[in-house]
Amino acid sequence: MKTLWQRIEKLMTAVTFAEAGEHETAREIMREEEKTDRPRPAKRPDRTLRASSPGQ
């Protein structure tokens, strides 16, 4: 897993290329970042906690 600083560095690199007019290079850098990201786990279903009724 990449550290936060590594991700910020990659983002700033893409920004620099975009500012210099190299938009496609910036997009490639960002796409590369997306490919290396870990897939997010599926969301777990919400469980509702219910109090038992007095007779149970």
PDB file of N, CA and C in Angstrom:
ATOM      1  N   MET A   1       0.843  -1.177   0.000  1.00  0.00           N
ATOM      2  CA  MET A   1       0.000   0.000   0.000  1.00  0.00           C
ATOM      3  C   MET A   1       0.891   1.244   0.000  1.00  0.00           C
ATOM      4  N   LYS A   2       0.537   2.176  -0.827  1.00  0.00           N
ATOM      5  CA  LYS A   2       1.331   3.393  -0.912  1.00  0.00           C
ATOM      6  C   LYS A   2       1.064   4.283   0.294  1.00  0.00           C
ATOM      7  N   THR A   3       2.104   4.966   0.677  1.00  0.00           N
ATOM      8  CA  THR A   3       1.920   5.905   1.776  1.00  0.00           C
ATOM      9  C   THR A   3       1.205   7.149   1.249  1.00  0.00           C
ATOM     10  N   LEU A   4       0.674   7.899   2.156  1.00  0.00           N
ATOM     11  CA  LEU A   4      -0.025   9.128   1.790  1.00  0.00           C
ATOM     12  C   LEU A   4       0.911  10.066   1.031  1.00  0.00           C
ATOM     13  N   TRP A   5       2.160  10.161   1.482  1.00  0.00           N
ATOM     14  CA  TRP A   5       3.109  11.071   0.826  1.00  0.00           C
ATOM     15  C   TRP A   5       3.407  10.637  -0.610  1.00  0.00           C
ATOM     16  N   GLN A   6       3.472   9.338  -0.863  1.00  0.00           N
ATOM     17  CA  GLN A   6       3.705   8.857  -2.224  1.00  0.00           C
ATOM     18  C   GLN A   6       2.527   9.205  -3.129  1.00  0.00           C
ATOM     19  N   ARG A   7       1.328   9.098  -2.609  1.00  0.00           N
ATOM     20  CA  ARG A   7       0.142   9.434  -3.398  1.00  0.00           C
ATOM     21  C   ARG A   7       0.085  10.934  -3.684  1.00  0.00           C
ATOM     22  N   ILE A   8       0.439  11.756  -2.674  1.00  0.00           N
ATOM     23  CA  ILE A   8       0.451  13.209  -2.868  1.00  0.00           C
ATOM     24  C   ILE A   8       1.514  13.583  -3.901  1.00  0.00           C
ATOM     25  N   GLU A   9       2.666  12.942  -3.827  1.00  0.00           N
ATOM     26  CA  GLU A   9       3.736  13.234  -4.785  1.00  0.00           C
ATOM     27  C   GLU A   9       3.279  12.923  -6.216  1.00  0.00           C
ATOM     28  N   LYS A  10       2.615  11.799  -6.408  1.00  0.00           N
ATOM     29  CA  LYS A  10       2.136  11.431  -7.739  1.00  0.00           C
ATOM     30  C   LYS A  10       1.086  12.436  -8.221  1.00  0.00           C
ATOM     31  N   LEU A  11       0.203  12.867  -7.338  1.00  0.00           N
ATOM     32  CA  LEU A  11      -0.812  13.854  -7.689  1.00  0.00           C
ATOM     33  C   LEU A  11      -0.168  15.178  -8.084  1.00  0.00           C
ATOM     34  N   MET A  12       0.821  15.624  -7.326  1.00  0.00           N
ATOM     35  CA  MET A  12       1.494  16.882  -7.633  1.00  0.00           C
ATOM     36  C   MET A  12       2.259  16.794  -8.952  1.00  0.00           C
ATOM     37  N   THR A  13       2.795  15.624  -9.271  1.00  0.00           N
ATOM     38  CA  THR A  13       3.465  15.428 -10.550  1.00  0.00           C
ATOM     39  C   THR A  13       2.463  15.598 -11.691  1.00  0.00           C
ATOM     40  N   ALA A  14       1.284  15.002 -11.535  1.00  0.00           N
ATOM     41  CA  ALA A  14       0.242  15.134 -12.556  1.00  0.00           C
ATOM     42  C   ALA A  14      -0.196  16.588 -12.700  1.00  0.00           C
ATOM     43  N   VAL A  15      -0.313  17.302 -11.592  1.00  0.00           N
ATOM     44  CA  VAL A  15      -0.703  18.715 -11.626  1.00  0.00           C
ATOM     45  C   VAL A  15       0.340  19.531 -12.390  1.00  0.00           C
ATOM     46  N   THR A  16       1.613  19.251 -12.135  1.00  0.00           N
ATOM     47  CA  THR A  16       2.686  19.975 -12.812  1.00  0.00           C
ATOM     48  C   THR A  16       2.617  19.782 -14.320  1.00  0.00           C
ATOM     49  N   PHE A  17       2.396  18.546 -14.760  1.00  0.00           N
ATOM     50  CA  PHE A  17       2.275  18.287 -16.192  1.00  0.00           C
ATOM     51  C   PHE A  17       1.057  18.994 -16.772  1.00  0.00           C
ATOM     52  N   ALA A  18      -0.047  18.980 -16.046  1.00  0.00           N
ATOM     53  CA  ALA A  18      -1.263  19.645 -16.536  1.00  0.00           C
ATOM     54  C   ALA A  18      -1.040  21.148 -16.675  1.00  0.00           C
ATOM     55  N   GLU A  19      -0.368  21.757 -15.702  1.00  0.00           N
ATOM     56  CA  GLU A  19      -0.091  23.187 -15.777  1.00  0.00           C
ATOM     57  C   GLU A  19       0.815  23.538 -16.954  1.00  0.00           C
ATOM     58  N   ALA A  20       1.686  22.599 -17.334  1.00  0.00           N
ATOM     59  CA  ALA A  20       2.604  22.830 -18.453  1.00  0.00           C
ATOM     60  C   ALA A  20       1.942  22.536 -19.801  1.00  0.00           C
ATOM     61  N   GLY A  21       0.667  22.189 -19.775  1.00  0.00           N
ATOM     62  CA  GLY A  21      -0.051  21.919 -21.012  1.00  0.00           C
ATOM     63  C   GLY A  21       0.024  20.469 -21.466  1.00  0.00           C
ATOM     64  N   GLU A  22       0.634  19.625 -20.679  1.00  0.00           N
ATOM     65  CA  GLU A  22       0.752  18.199 -21.010  1.00  0.00           C
ATOM     66  C   GLU A  22      -0.402  17.430 -20.357  1.00  0.00           C
ATOM     67  N   HIS A  23      -1.597  17.712 -20.829  1.00  0.00           N
ATOM     68  CA  HIS A  23      -2.799  17.157 -20.210  1.00  0.00           C
ATOM     69  C   HIS A  23      -2.869  15.634 -20.319  1.00  0.00           C
ATOM     70  N   GLU A  24      -2.495  15.098 -21.469  1.00  0.00           N
ATOM     71  CA  GLU A  24      -2.564  13.648 -21.645  1.00  0.00           C
ATOM     72  C   GLU A  24      -1.581  12.935 -20.715  1.00  0.00           C
ATOM     73  N   THR A  25      -0.400  13.497 -20.526  1.00  0.00           N
ATOM     74  CA  THR A  25       0.568  12.903 -19.603  1.00  0.00           C
ATOM     75  C   THR A  25       0.015  12.915 -18.185  1.00  0.00           C
ATOM     76  N   ALA A  26      -0.618  14.006 -17.804  1.00  0.00           N
ATOM     77  CA  ALA A  26      -1.227  14.093 -16.472  1.00  0.00           C
ATOM     78  C   ALA A  26      -2.311  13.031 -16.310  1.00  0.00           C
ATOM     79  N   ARG A  27      -3.112  12.841 -17.351  1.00  0.00           N
ATOM     80  CA  ARG A  27      -4.163  11.818 -17.289  1.00  0.00           C
ATOM     81  C   ARG A  27      -3.557  10.418 -17.151  1.00  0.00           C
ATOM     82  N   GLU A  28      -2.476  10.163 -17.872  1.00  0.00           N
ATOM     83  CA  GLU A  28      -1.811   8.858 -17.786  1.00  0.00           C
ATOM     84  C   GLU A  28      -1.292   8.602 -16.377  1.00  0.00           C
ATOM     85  N   ILE A  29      -0.723   9.612 -15.774  1.00  0.00           N
ATOM     86  CA  ILE A  29      -0.214   9.476 -14.402  1.00  0.00           C
ATOM     87  C   ILE A  29      -1.359   9.144 -13.453  1.00  0.00           C
ATOM     88  N   MET A  30      -2.471   9.817 -13.627  1.00  0.00           N
ATOM     89  CA  MET A  30      -3.617   9.557 -12.751  1.00  0.00           C
ATOM     90  C   MET A  30      -4.220   8.174 -13.022  1.00  0.00           C
ATOM     91  N   ARG A  31      -4.253   7.751 -14.284  1.00  0.00           N
ATOM     92  CA  ARG A  31      -4.752   6.404 -14.597  1.00  0.00           C
ATOM     93  C   ARG A  31      -3.852   5.353 -13.971  1.00  0.00           C
ATOM     94  N   GLU A  32      -2.555   5.590 -14.014  1.00  0.00           N
ATOM     95  CA  GLU A  32      -1.599   4.663 -13.410  1.00  0.00           C
ATOM     96  C   GLU A  32      -1.877   4.542 -11.918  1.00  0.00           C
ATOM     97  N   GLU A  33      -2.203   5.641 -11.298  1.00  0.00           N
ATOM     98  CA  GLU A  33      -2.526   5.641  -9.874  1.00  0.00           C
ATOM     99  C   GLU A  33      -3.771   4.801  -9.616  1.00  0.00           C
ATOM    100  N   GLU A  34      -4.778   4.921 -10.476  1.00  0.00           N
ATOM    101  CA  GLU A  34      -6.011   4.155 -10.297  1.00  0.00           C
ATOM    102  C   GLU A  34      -5.747   2.657 -10.408  1.00  0.00           C
ATOM    103  N   LYS A  35      -4.880   2.266 -11.327  1.00  0.00           N
ATOM    104  CA  LYS A  35      -4.588   0.847 -11.544  1.00  0.00           C
ATOM    105  C   LYS A  35      -3.880   0.234 -10.345  1.00  0.00           C
ATOM    106  N   THR A  36      -3.046   1.003  -9.677  1.00  0.00           N
ATOM    107  CA  THR A  36      -2.279   0.459  -8.566  1.00  0.00           C
ATOM    108  C   THR A  36      -3.034   0.511  -7.251  1.00  0.00           C
ATOM    109  N   ASP A  37      -4.160   1.211  -7.223  1.00  0.00           N
ATOM    110  CA  ASP A  37      -4.950   1.262  -5.992  1.00  0.00           C
ATOM    111  C   ASP A  37      -5.526  -0.109  -5.688  1.00  0.00           C
ATOM    112  N   ARG A  38      -5.620  -0.392  -4.429  1.00  0.00           N
ATOM    113  CA  ARG A  38      -6.201  -1.634  -3.972  1.00  0.00           C
ATOM    114  C   ARG A  38      -7.707  -1.594  -4.177  1.00  0.00           C
ATOM    115  N   PRO A  39      -8.320  -2.673  -4.653  1.00  0.00           N
ATOM    116  CA  PRO A  39      -9.779  -2.652  -4.784  1.00  0.00           C
ATOM    117  C   PRO A  39     -10.426  -2.542  -3.408  1.00  0.00           C
ATOM    118  N   ARG A  40     -11.482  -1.802  -3.348  1.00  0.00           N
ATOM    119  CA  ARG A  40     -12.163  -1.622  -2.069  1.00  0.00           C
ATOM    120  C   ARG A  40     -13.062  -2.816  -1.795  1.00  0.00           C
ATOM    121  N   PRO A  41     -13.125  -3.253  -0.557  1.00  0.00           N
ATOM    122  CA  PRO A  41     -13.989  -4.395  -0.244  1.00  0.00           C
ATOM    123  C   PRO A  41     -15.454  -4.003  -0.404  1.00  0.00           C
ATOM    124  N   ALA A  42     -16.260  -5.006  -0.697  1.00  0.00           N
ATOM    125  CA  ALA A  42     -17.696  -4.765  -0.844  1.00  0.00           C
ATOM    126  C   ALA A  42     -18.265  -4.310   0.498  1.00  0.00           C
ATOM    127  N   LYS A  43     -19.246  -3.442   0.428  1.00  0.00           N
ATOM    128  CA  LYS A  43     -19.861  -2.929   1.650  1.00  0.00           C
ATOM    129  C   LYS A  43     -20.650  -4.038   2.314  1.00  0.00           C
ATOM    130  N   ARG A  44     -20.478  -4.146   3.606  1.00  0.00           N
ATOM    131  CA  ARG A  44     -21.198  -5.155   4.362  1.00  0.00           C
ATOM    132  C   ARG A  44     -22.631  -4.689   4.593  1.00  0.00           C
ATOM    133  N   PRO A  45     -23.563  -5.616   4.595  1.00  0.00           N
ATOM    134  CA  PRO A  45     -24.950  -5.219   4.835  1.00  0.00           C
ATOM    135  C   PRO A  45     -25.108  -4.676   6.257  1.00  0.00           C
ATOM    136  N   ASP A  46     -25.938  -3.672   6.386  1.00  0.00           N
ATOM    137  CA  ASP A  46     -26.186  -3.094   7.706  1.00  0.00           C
ATOM    138  C   ASP A  46     -26.980  -4.082   8.549  1.00  0.00           C
ATOM    139  N   ARG A  47     -26.594  -4.174   9.783  1.00  0.00           N
ATOM    140  CA  ARG A  47     -27.336  -5.030  10.704  1.00  0.00           C
ATOM    141  C   ARG A  47     -28.065  -4.142  11.682  1.00  0.00           C
ATOM    142  N   THR A  48     -29.330  -4.377  11.815  1.00  0.00           N
ATOM    143  CA  THR A  48     -30.143  -3.597  12.740  1.00  0.00           C
ATOM    144  C   THR A  48     -30.245  -4.356  14.059  1.00  0.00           C
ATOM    145  N   LEU A  49     -29.863  -3.701  15.119  1.00  0.00           N
ATOM    146  CA  LEU A  49     -29.981  -4.303  16.439  1.00  0.00           C
ATOM    147  C   LEU A  49     -31.350  -3.970  16.998  1.00  0.00           C
ATOM    148  N   ARG A  50     -32.004  -5.000  17.491  1.00  0.00           N
ATOM    149  CA  ARG A  50     -33.349  -4.801  18.043  1.00  0.00           C
ATOM    150  C   ARG A  50     -33.374  -5.303  19.466  1.00  0.00           C
ATOM    151  N   ALA A  51     -34.045  -4.546  20.290  1.00  0.00           N
ATOM    152  CA  ALA A  51     -34.213  -4.979  21.672  1.00  0.00           C
ATOM    153  C   ALA A  51     -35.261  -6.090  21.722  1.00  0.00           C
ATOM    154  N   SER A  52     -35.023  -7.056  22.582  1.00  0.00           N
ATOM    155  CA  SER A  52     -36.002  -8.129  22.692  1.00  0.00           C
ATOM    156  C   SER A  52     -37.219  -7.619  23.453  1.00  0.00           C
ATOM    157  N   SER A  53     -38.361  -8.191  23.134  1.00  0.00           N
ATOM    158  CA  SER A  53     -39.581  -7.767  23.821  1.00  0.00           C
ATOM    159  C   SER A  53     -39.583  -8.355  25.234  1.00  0.00           C
ATOM    160  N   PRO A  54     -40.296  -7.728  26.172  1.00  0.00           N
ATOM    161  CA  PRO A  54     -40.248  -8.131  27.584  1.00  0.00           C
ATOM    162  C   PRO A  54     -40.605  -9.584  27.825  1.00  0.00           C
ATOM    163  N   GLY A  55     -41.409 -10.203  27.000  1.00  0.00           N
ATOM    164  CA  GLY A  55     -41.825 -11.585  27.228  1.00  0.00           C
ATOM    165  C   GLY A  55     -40.842 -12.614  26.705  1.00  0.00           C
ATOM    166  N   GLN A  56     -39.749 -12.222  26.130  1.00  0.00           N
ATOM    167  CA  GLN A  56     -38.835 -13.209  25.516  1.00  0.00           C
ATOM    168  C   GLN A  56     -37.595 -13.388  26.295  1.00  0.00           C
TER     169      GLN A  56
END
